[in-house]
Protein backbone atom coordinates (compact mmCIF):
# COMPACT_ATOMS: atom_id res chain seq x y z
CA MET A 1 -0.59 37.52 23.02
CA ALA A 2 2.69 39.37 23.03
CA SER A 3 5.83 37.53 22.11
CA LEU A 4 7.16 35.50 25.03
CA TRP A 5 10.73 36.24 24.13
CA SER A 6 12.73 38.03 21.43
CA PRO A 7 16.52 38.43 21.37
CA THR A 8 17.90 41.79 22.52
CA ASP A 9 21.52 40.96 22.20
CA TRP A 10 22.12 39.56 18.65
CA PRO A 11 25.76 38.89 19.03
CA GLN A 12 25.02 36.80 22.07
CA ARG A 13 22.23 34.99 20.20
CA LEU A 14 24.64 34.25 17.31
CA ALA A 15 27.10 32.82 19.76
CA GLU A 16 24.59 30.53 21.22
CA LEU A 17 23.60 29.17 17.83
CA GLN A 18 27.27 28.49 16.88
CA ALA A 19 28.42 27.08 20.14
CA PRO A 20 29.28 23.32 19.62
CA THR A 21 28.68 22.28 23.30
CA GLY A 22 28.49 23.59 26.83
CA GLU A 23 26.13 25.90 28.72
CA LEU A 24 26.20 28.52 25.99
CA LYS A 25 24.80 25.85 23.53
CA GLU A 26 22.03 24.84 25.95
CA ALA A 27 21.04 28.38 26.96
CA HIS A 28 18.44 28.79 24.22
CA LEU A 29 17.00 25.38 24.95
CA ARG A 30 16.41 26.23 28.67
CA ARG A 31 14.88 29.53 27.57
CA ASP A 32 12.47 27.71 25.09
CA VAL A 33 11.40 25.38 27.90
CA ARG A 34 10.59 28.33 30.07
CA SER A 35 8.72 29.92 27.20
CA LEU A 36 6.56 26.82 26.72
CA GLY A 37 5.78 26.75 30.45
CA ALA A 38 4.67 30.28 30.26
CA LEU A 39 2.61 29.58 27.29
CA LEU A 40 0.92 26.60 28.91
CA GLY A 41 0.23 28.68 32.06
CA GLU A 42 -1.42 31.35 29.84
CA VAL A 43 -3.56 28.89 28.07
CA LEU A 44 -4.74 27.32 31.39
CA ARG A 45 -5.57 30.75 32.80
CA VAL A 46 -7.56 31.69 29.77
CA ASP A 47 -9.55 28.54 29.12
CA ARG A 48 -10.22 26.25 32.07
CA ARG A 49 -12.65 24.01 29.96
CA TRP A 50 -9.75 21.67 29.35
CA LEU A 51 -8.72 21.20 33.02
CA ILE A 52 -9.08 17.73 34.53
CA PRO A 53 -10.61 18.05 38.03
CA ARG A 54 -8.48 16.72 40.88
CA ARG A 55 -11.09 14.19 41.88
CA SER A 56 -11.03 12.46 38.45
CA CYS A 57 -7.23 11.72 38.84
CA MET A 58 -6.34 8.07 39.03
CA ARG A 59 -4.65 6.94 42.23
CA THR A 60 -1.63 5.73 40.40
CA PHE A 61 -0.84 9.26 39.11
CA SER A 62 -0.06 12.48 40.64
CA CYS A 63 -3.22 14.70 41.02
CA LYS A 64 -1.67 17.71 39.41
CA VAL A 65 -4.01 19.87 37.18
CA LEU A 66 -3.29 19.06 33.66
CA ALA A 67 -4.44 20.41 30.32
CA VAL A 68 -4.39 17.11 28.27
CA PRO A 69 -5.35 18.62 24.80
CA VAL A 70 -2.83 21.31 25.21
CA LEU A 71 0.01 19.00 26.29
CA CYS A 72 -0.72 16.64 23.42
CA GLY A 73 -0.56 19.48 21.01
CA LEU A 74 2.90 20.51 22.44
CA LEU A 75 4.15 16.93 22.44
CA SER A 76 3.22 16.55 18.81
CA ILE A 77 5.53 19.31 17.92
CA THR A 78 8.58 17.67 19.54
CA LEU A 79 8.03 13.92 19.08
CA PRO A 80 8.92 12.49 15.69
CA ALA A 81 6.24 10.62 13.82
CA PRO A 82 6.61 6.78 13.80
CA ALA A 83 8.47 5.51 10.78
CA GLN A 84 6.30 4.43 7.85
CA THR A 85 6.52 0.91 6.74
CA PRO A 86 7.83 0.53 3.28
CA ALA A 87 5.04 0.10 0.74
CA SER A 88 6.63 -3.17 -0.54
CA ALA A 89 6.45 -4.55 3.02
CA GLN A 90 2.77 -3.92 3.17
CA THR A 91 1.97 -5.96 0.22
CA PRO A 92 0.29 -9.24 1.24
CA ALA A 93 1.79 -12.48 -0.12
CA PRO A 94 -0.58 -14.66 -2.14
CA ALA A 95 -2.41 -17.12 0.18
CA GLN A 96 -3.60 -20.54 -0.60
CA THR A 97 -7.06 -19.34 0.33
CA SER A 98 -6.97 -16.25 -2.01
CA PRO A 99 -10.11 -15.84 -4.03
CA PHE A 100 -8.06 -15.44 -7.18
CA LEU A 101 -6.90 -19.08 -7.15
CA GLY A 102 -8.57 -21.70 -9.06
CA ASP A 103 -10.00 -22.31 -12.50
CA TRP A 104 -11.59 -19.52 -14.66
CA GLN A 105 -13.37 -19.78 -17.96
CA VAL A 106 -12.55 -16.91 -20.44
CA PRO A 107 -15.30 -15.69 -22.96
CA SER A 108 -13.97 -17.99 -25.68
CA GLY A 109 -14.55 -21.04 -23.46
CA THR A 110 -10.90 -21.83 -22.73
CA ILE A 111 -10.14 -22.44 -18.98
CA VAL A 112 -7.27 -20.81 -17.33
CA ARG A 113 -5.82 -21.71 -13.93
CA ILE A 114 -4.40 -19.17 -11.44
CA ASP A 115 -1.79 -20.45 -9.11
CA PRO A 116 0.71 -18.93 -6.73
CA CYS A 117 4.25 -19.00 -8.06
CA SER A 118 7.52 -17.46 -7.21
CA SER A 119 6.79 -14.24 -9.04
CA GLY A 120 3.26 -13.76 -7.53
CA PHE A 121 0.22 -15.18 -9.27
CA CYS A 122 0.71 -17.06 -12.53
CA MET A 123 -1.82 -18.26 -15.21
CA ARG A 124 -1.72 -21.09 -17.57
CA ILE A 125 -4.19 -22.66 -20.01
CA MET A 126 -5.77 -25.89 -18.69
CA PHE A 127 -8.49 -26.47 -21.25
CA LEU A 128 -8.79 -25.36 -24.95
CA SER A 129 -12.12 -24.34 -26.25
CA PRO A 130 -13.37 -26.67 -28.99
CA THR A 131 -13.84 -23.65 -31.11
CA ALA A 132 -10.31 -22.37 -30.71
CA ASP A 133 -8.70 -21.27 -34.02
CA ALA A 134 -5.48 -22.98 -33.25
CA THR A 135 -3.92 -25.42 -30.75
CA THR A 136 -0.37 -24.12 -31.11
CA ASP A 137 1.07 -20.59 -30.45
CA ILE A 138 0.93 -19.65 -34.02
CA HIS A 139 0.92 -15.82 -33.43
CA ASN A 140 4.02 -15.82 -31.11
CA PRO A 141 6.38 -13.03 -32.18
CA ASP A 142 9.24 -15.55 -31.68
CA ALA A 143 8.90 -17.77 -34.82
CA THR A 144 10.78 -20.59 -33.07
CA LEU A 145 7.97 -20.86 -30.48
CA ARG A 146 5.05 -20.99 -32.97
CA ARG A 147 4.72 -24.76 -32.87
CA LYS A 148 4.46 -24.73 -29.02
CA SER A 149 1.27 -26.17 -27.75
CA LEU A 150 -1.19 -23.72 -26.14
CA CYS A 151 -2.07 -26.49 -23.66
CA ALA A 152 -0.35 -25.64 -20.23
CA LEU A 153 0.96 -22.53 -21.78
CA GLU A 154 1.73 -19.78 -19.17
CA ILE A 155 -0.05 -16.64 -20.26
CA GLY A 156 0.11 -14.56 -17.13
CA SER A 157 2.70 -13.90 -14.35
CA ARG A 158 3.89 -11.29 -11.73
CA PHE A 159 0.51 -10.34 -10.35
CA HIS A 160 0.83 -9.12 -6.78
CA LEU A 161 -2.03 -8.46 -4.25
CA SER A 162 -2.74 -4.83 -3.39
CA ASP A 163 -5.50 -6.04 -1.14
CA ALA A 164 -7.63 -9.28 -0.63
CA THR A 165 -9.52 -8.70 -3.95
CA HIS A 166 -7.18 -6.68 -6.09
CA ALA A 167 -3.96 -7.69 -7.86
CA SER A 168 -1.87 -5.67 -10.25
CA GLY A 169 1.68 -5.39 -11.71
CA GLY A 170 1.22 -8.47 -13.84
CA THR A 171 1.69 -9.24 -17.62
CA ILE A 172 -0.85 -10.96 -19.88
CA TYR A 173 0.03 -12.79 -23.08
CA ASP A 174 -2.78 -13.02 -25.67
CA PRO A 175 -2.28 -16.12 -27.93
CA LYS A 176 -4.85 -14.81 -30.36
CA SER A 177 -2.62 -11.69 -31.26
CA GLY A 178 0.88 -12.64 -29.92
CA ASN A 179 0.74 -9.42 -27.91
CA THR A 180 1.76 -8.99 -24.30
CA TYR A 181 0.02 -6.48 -22.07
CA ARG A 182 0.27 -5.14 -18.55
CA GLY A 183 -2.55 -6.39 -16.40
CA GLN A 184 -4.59 -5.83 -13.26
CA MET A 185 -7.47 -7.88 -11.96
CA VAL A 186 -10.37 -7.72 -9.46
CA VAL A 187 -12.20 -10.67 -8.07
CA GLU A 188 -15.94 -10.37 -7.09
CA GLY A 189 -17.21 -13.70 -5.88
CA ASP A 190 -17.32 -15.96 -8.93
CA LEU A 191 -16.45 -13.22 -11.39
CA LEU A 192 -12.99 -12.01 -12.18
CA ARG A 193 -12.42 -8.79 -14.06
CA LEU A 194 -9.09 -8.79 -15.94
CA ARG A 195 -7.90 -5.63 -17.51
CA GLY A 196 -5.08 -5.63 -20.11
CA TYR A 197 -3.49 -2.47 -21.30
CA ILE A 198 -0.37 -0.87 -22.69
CA GLY A 199 1.08 2.15 -20.95
CA PHE A 200 -1.83 3.30 -18.72
CA SER A 201 -4.89 1.22 -17.63
CA LEU A 202 -7.08 3.98 -18.97
CA PHE A 203 -6.26 2.74 -22.53
CA GLY A 204 -7.08 -0.96 -22.23
CA ARG A 205 -9.83 -3.46 -22.32
CA THR A 206 -11.57 -5.37 -19.46
CA GLU A 207 -12.58 -9.07 -19.88
CA ILE A 208 -14.88 -11.03 -17.44
CA TRP A 209 -13.85 -14.48 -16.50
CA HIS A 210 -16.24 -16.86 -14.69
CA ARG A 211 -15.22 -19.34 -11.98
CA VAL A 212 -15.41 -22.99 -13.07
CA HIS A 213 -17.03 -25.22 -10.52
CA ALA A 214 -17.81 -28.18 -12.86
CA SER A 215 -15.33 -30.91 -13.52
CA TYR A 216 -13.60 -31.04 -16.85
CA VAL A 217 -10.90 -32.96 -18.62
CA SER A 218 -7.63 -31.09 -18.72
CA CYS A 219 -5.74 -30.81 -21.82
CA ASP A 220 -2.36 -31.52 -20.37
């Protein structure tokens, strides 16, 4: 198809583009509308498969012959896309019914409780394994905290849901080494896969926790 319009008077075209207001400013807009009308008429003439028959028009609408796919394509050029919701606003808040909440037994036998808190999901020790090497935080890098009991110690915080069964952005403290790691976790029924890492999740370790259903005597 030949070009619908091309400028023949370049000084006039430049004046249109530089005009702040008035008819001169709107001249190219009116010309563009005429060009789109001509383009639509050409498409309708060439391919009548897109036409909506008059008998299918609803009574509440004008029964003009329309090319719906073509019109939609033209509108998509001129209408702005809806604004995207900020990612932070899409993050669901921890709910009381979240599958993450509750008591979980770690491989050593210690039981950790996951609760909602002001920073997201938090974790604290509720039961110390009888085979635990220590009952106080002897490996804490802060020497003034090494006599603090491990019972009720918060070891995880700032986990936020990315969807119903995934949470990330948290930190995990390991009392066995005194190290703090970044963390993310996935819940699969009565299993929780917690991954701790430094830097990138690729360079880390995954630990599997099991949900606690039986009653127990809390250490606090």
